[in-house]
Amino acid sequence: MKYDAIVIGGGILGLATAWQCLRKKPGLKLLFIKEAIIVV
């Protein structure tokens, strides 16, 4: 898949950035990547 923008980080700044991008360009294809912690 192709995306117009990628936001890395699911914290408050990542969410705010994604929200502002989608507000300014509603049709934007946005990939949102959240950190995952894996404990083995």
PDB file of N, CA and C in Angstrom:
ATOM      1  N   MET A   1       0.829  -1.180   0.000  1.00  0.00           N
ATOM      2  CA  MET A   1       0.000   0.000   0.000  1.00  0.00           C
ATOM      3  C   MET A   1       0.879   1.250   0.000  1.00  0.00           C
ATOM      4  N   LYS A   2       0.343   2.311  -0.525  1.00  0.00           N
ATOM      5  CA  LYS A   2       1.062   3.578  -0.542  1.00  0.00           C
ATOM      6  C   LYS A   2       0.372   4.558   0.393  1.00  0.00           C
ATOM      7  N   TYR A   3       1.180   5.315   1.120  1.00  0.00           N
ATOM      8  CA  TYR A   3       0.672   6.295   2.068  1.00  0.00           C
ATOM      9  C   TYR A   3       1.242   7.664   1.738  1.00  0.00           C
ATOM     10  N   ASP A   4       0.491   8.692   2.086  1.00  0.00           N
ATOM     11  CA  ASP A   4       0.961  10.051   1.879  1.00  0.00           C
ATOM     12  C   ASP A   4       1.872  10.505   3.017  1.00  0.00           C
ATOM     13  N   ALA A   5       1.624   9.963   4.215  1.00  0.00           N
ATOM     14  CA  ALA A   5       2.421  10.345   5.382  1.00  0.00           C
ATOM     15  C   ALA A   5       2.449   9.192   6.372  1.00  0.00           C
ATOM     16  N   ILE A   6       3.494   9.150   7.182  1.00  0.00           N
ATOM     17  CA  ILE A   6       3.633   8.149   8.230  1.00  0.00           C
ATOM     18  C   ILE A   6       3.881   8.870   9.540  1.00  0.00           C
ATOM     19  N   VAL A   7       3.117   8.496  10.568  1.00  0.00           N
ATOM     20  CA  VAL A   7       3.323   9.037  11.914  1.00  0.00           C
ATOM     21  C   VAL A   7       3.827   7.887  12.774  1.00  0.00           C
ATOM     22  N   ILE A   8       4.996   8.073  13.371  1.00  0.00           N
ATOM     23  CA  ILE A   8       5.587   7.047  14.217  1.00  0.00           C
ATOM     24  C   ILE A   8       5.507   7.520  15.662  1.00  0.00           C
ATOM     25  N   GLY A   9       4.838   6.742  16.490  1.00  0.00           N
ATOM     26  CA  GLY A   9       4.685   7.075  17.900  1.00  0.00           C
ATOM     27  C   GLY A   9       3.225   7.275  18.250  1.00  0.00           C
ATOM     28  N   GLY A  10       2.766   6.549  19.248  1.00  0.00           N
ATOM     29  CA  GLY A  10       1.360   6.606  19.626  1.00  0.00           C
ATOM     30  C   GLY A  10       1.083   7.470  20.831  1.00  0.00           C
ATOM     31  N   GLY A  11       2.059   8.251  21.246  1.00  0.00           N
ATOM     32  CA  GLY A  11       1.852   9.143  22.385  1.00  0.00           C
ATOM     33  C   GLY A  11       0.996  10.333  22.002  1.00  0.00           C
ATOM     34  N   ILE A  12       0.875  11.258  22.925  1.00  0.00           N
ATOM     35  CA  ILE A  12       0.027  12.422  22.699  1.00  0.00           C
ATOM     36  C   ILE A  12       0.497  13.252  21.501  1.00  0.00           C
ATOM     37  N   LEU A  13       1.791  13.363  21.298  1.00  0.00           N
ATOM     38  CA  LEU A  13       2.294  14.141  20.151  1.00  0.00           C
ATOM     39  C   LEU A  13       2.050  13.438  18.824  1.00  0.00           C
ATOM     40  N   GLY A  14       2.198  12.113  18.810  1.00  0.00           N
ATOM     41  CA  GLY A  14       1.914  11.366  17.585  1.00  0.00           C
ATOM     42  C   GLY A  14       0.446  11.455  17.207  1.00  0.00           C
ATOM     43  N   LEU A  15      -0.435  11.318  18.192  1.00  0.00           N
ATOM     44  CA  LEU A  15      -1.872  11.419  17.937  1.00  0.00           C
ATOM     45  C   LEU A  15      -2.255  12.823  17.486  1.00  0.00           C
ATOM     46  N   ALA A  16      -1.676  13.837  18.130  1.00  0.00           N
ATOM     47  CA  ALA A  16      -1.972  15.225  17.763  1.00  0.00           C
ATOM     48  C   ALA A  16      -1.489  15.522  16.346  1.00  0.00           C
ATOM     49  N   THR A  17      -0.331  14.999  15.988  1.00  0.00           N
ATOM     50  CA  THR A  17       0.209  15.201  14.641  1.00  0.00           C
ATOM     51  C   THR A  17      -0.689  14.552  13.597  1.00  0.00           C
ATOM     52  N   ALA A  18      -1.090  13.317  13.854  1.00  0.00           N
ATOM     53  CA  ALA A  18      -1.976  12.611  12.925  1.00  0.00           C
ATOM     54  C   ALA A  18      -3.302  13.354  12.786  1.00  0.00           C
ATOM     55  N   TRP A  19      -3.858  13.813  13.885  1.00  0.00           N
ATOM     56  CA  TRP A  19      -5.132  14.527  13.879  1.00  0.00           C
ATOM     57  C   TRP A  19      -5.035  15.820  13.060  1.00  0.00           C
ATOM     58  N   GLN A  20      -3.966  16.589  13.276  1.00  0.00           N
ATOM     59  CA  GLN A  20      -3.787  17.843  12.540  1.00  0.00           C
ATOM     60  C   GLN A  20      -3.600  17.581  11.039  1.00  0.00           C
ATOM     61  N   CYS A  21      -2.846  16.551  10.697  1.00  0.00           N
ATOM     62  CA  CYS A  21      -2.659  16.213   9.278  1.00  0.00           C
ATOM     63  C   CYS A  21      -3.992  15.880   8.623  1.00  0.00           C
ATOM     64  N   LEU A  22      -4.818  15.094   9.311  1.00  0.00           N
ATOM     65  CA  LEU A  22      -6.115  14.703   8.748  1.00  0.00           C
ATOM     66  C   LEU A  22      -7.105  15.863   8.733  1.00  0.00           C
ATOM     67  N   ARG A  23      -6.976  16.801   9.654  1.00  0.00           N
ATOM     68  CA  ARG A  23      -7.836  17.991   9.642  1.00  0.00           C
ATOM     69  C   ARG A  23      -7.533  18.866   8.434  1.00  0.00           C
ATOM     70  N   LYS A  24      -6.232  19.009   8.124  1.00  0.00           N
ATOM     71  CA  LYS A  24      -5.832  19.878   7.017  1.00  0.00           C
ATOM     72  C   LYS A  24      -6.062  19.224   5.660  1.00  0.00           C
ATOM     73  N   LYS A  25      -5.924  17.897   5.589  1.00  0.00           N
ATOM     74  CA  LYS A  25      -6.125  17.164   4.337  1.00  0.00           C
ATOM     75  C   LYS A  25      -6.955  15.916   4.646  1.00  0.00           C
ATOM     76  N   PRO A  26      -8.282  16.038   4.632  1.00  0.00           N
ATOM     77  CA  PRO A  26      -9.155  14.921   5.014  1.00  0.00           C
ATOM     78  C   PRO A  26      -8.962  13.635   4.205  1.00  0.00           C
ATOM     79  N   GLY A  27      -8.541  13.712   2.961  1.00  0.00           N
ATOM     80  CA  GLY A  27      -8.372  12.520   2.139  1.00  0.00           C
ATOM     81  C   GLY A  27      -7.002  11.875   2.248  1.00  0.00           C
ATOM     82  N   LEU A  28      -6.190  12.358   3.168  1.00  0.00           N
ATOM     83  CA  LEU A  28      -4.812  11.888   3.321  1.00  0.00           C
ATOM     84  C   LEU A  28      -4.777  10.418   3.714  1.00  0.00           C
ATOM     85  N   LYS A  29      -3.892   9.660   3.065  1.00  0.00           N
ATOM     86  CA  LYS A  29      -3.671   8.261   3.444  1.00  0.00           C
ATOM     87  C   LYS A  29      -2.549   8.260   4.471  1.00  0.00           C
ATOM     88  N   LEU A  30      -2.915   7.978   5.713  1.00  0.00           N
ATOM     89  CA  LEU A  30      -1.987   8.112   6.837  1.00  0.00           C
ATOM     90  C   LEU A  30      -1.720   6.752   7.465  1.00  0.00           C
ATOM     91  N   LEU A  31      -0.454   6.429   7.639  1.00  0.00           N
ATOM     92  CA  LEU A  31      -0.055   5.213   8.348  1.00  0.00           C
ATOM     93  C   LEU A  31       0.376   5.623   9.741  1.00  0.00           C
ATOM     94  N   PHE A  32      -0.218   5.004  10.744  1.00  0.00           N
ATOM     95  CA  PHE A  32       0.056   5.330  12.143  1.00  0.00           C
ATOM     96  C   PHE A  32       0.721   4.123  12.777  1.00  0.00           C
ATOM     97  N   ILE A  33       1.955   4.289  13.243  1.00  0.00           N
ATOM     98  CA  ILE A  33       2.708   3.185  13.834  1.00  0.00           C
ATOM     99  C   ILE A  33       2.885   3.445  15.321  1.00  0.00           C
ATOM    100  N   LYS A  34       2.430   2.491  16.119  1.00  0.00           N
ATOM    101  CA  LYS A  34       2.543   2.604  17.573  1.00  0.00           C
ATOM    102  C   LYS A  34       3.603   1.621  18.056  1.00  0.00           C
ATOM    103  N   GLU A  35       4.349   2.040  19.051  1.00  0.00           N
ATOM    104  CA  GLU A  35       5.392   1.187  19.623  1.00  0.00           C
ATOM    105  C   GLU A  35       4.771  -0.007  20.333  1.00  0.00           C
ATOM    106  N   ALA A  36       5.381  -1.153  20.143  1.00  0.00           N
ATOM    107  CA  ALA A  36       4.931  -2.353  20.848  1.00  0.00           C
ATOM    108  C   ALA A  36       6.110  -2.913  21.642  1.00  0.00           C
ATOM    109  N   ILE A  37       5.862  -3.248  22.886  1.00  0.00           N
ATOM    110  CA  ILE A  37       6.901  -3.819  23.735  1.00  0.00           C
ATOM    111  C   ILE A  37       6.656  -5.326  23.832  1.00  0.00           C
ATOM    112  N   ILE A  38       7.666  -6.101  23.447  1.00  0.00           N
ATOM    113  CA  ILE A  38       7.550  -7.552  23.479  1.00  0.00           C
ATOM    114  C   ILE A  38       8.517  -8.088  24.531  1.00  0.00           C
ATOM    115  N   VAL A  39       7.984  -8.826  25.484  1.00  0.00           N
ATOM    116  CA  VAL A  39       8.794  -9.417  26.549  1.00  0.00           C
ATOM    117  C   VAL A  39       8.809 -10.925  26.342  1.00  0.00           C
ATOM    118  N   VAL A  40      10.017 -11.489  26.272  1.00  0.00           N
ATOM    119  CA  VAL A  40      10.134 -12.940  26.041  1.00  0.00           C
ATOM    120  C   VAL A  40      10.590 -13.613  27.318  1.00  0.00           C
TER     121      VAL A  40
END
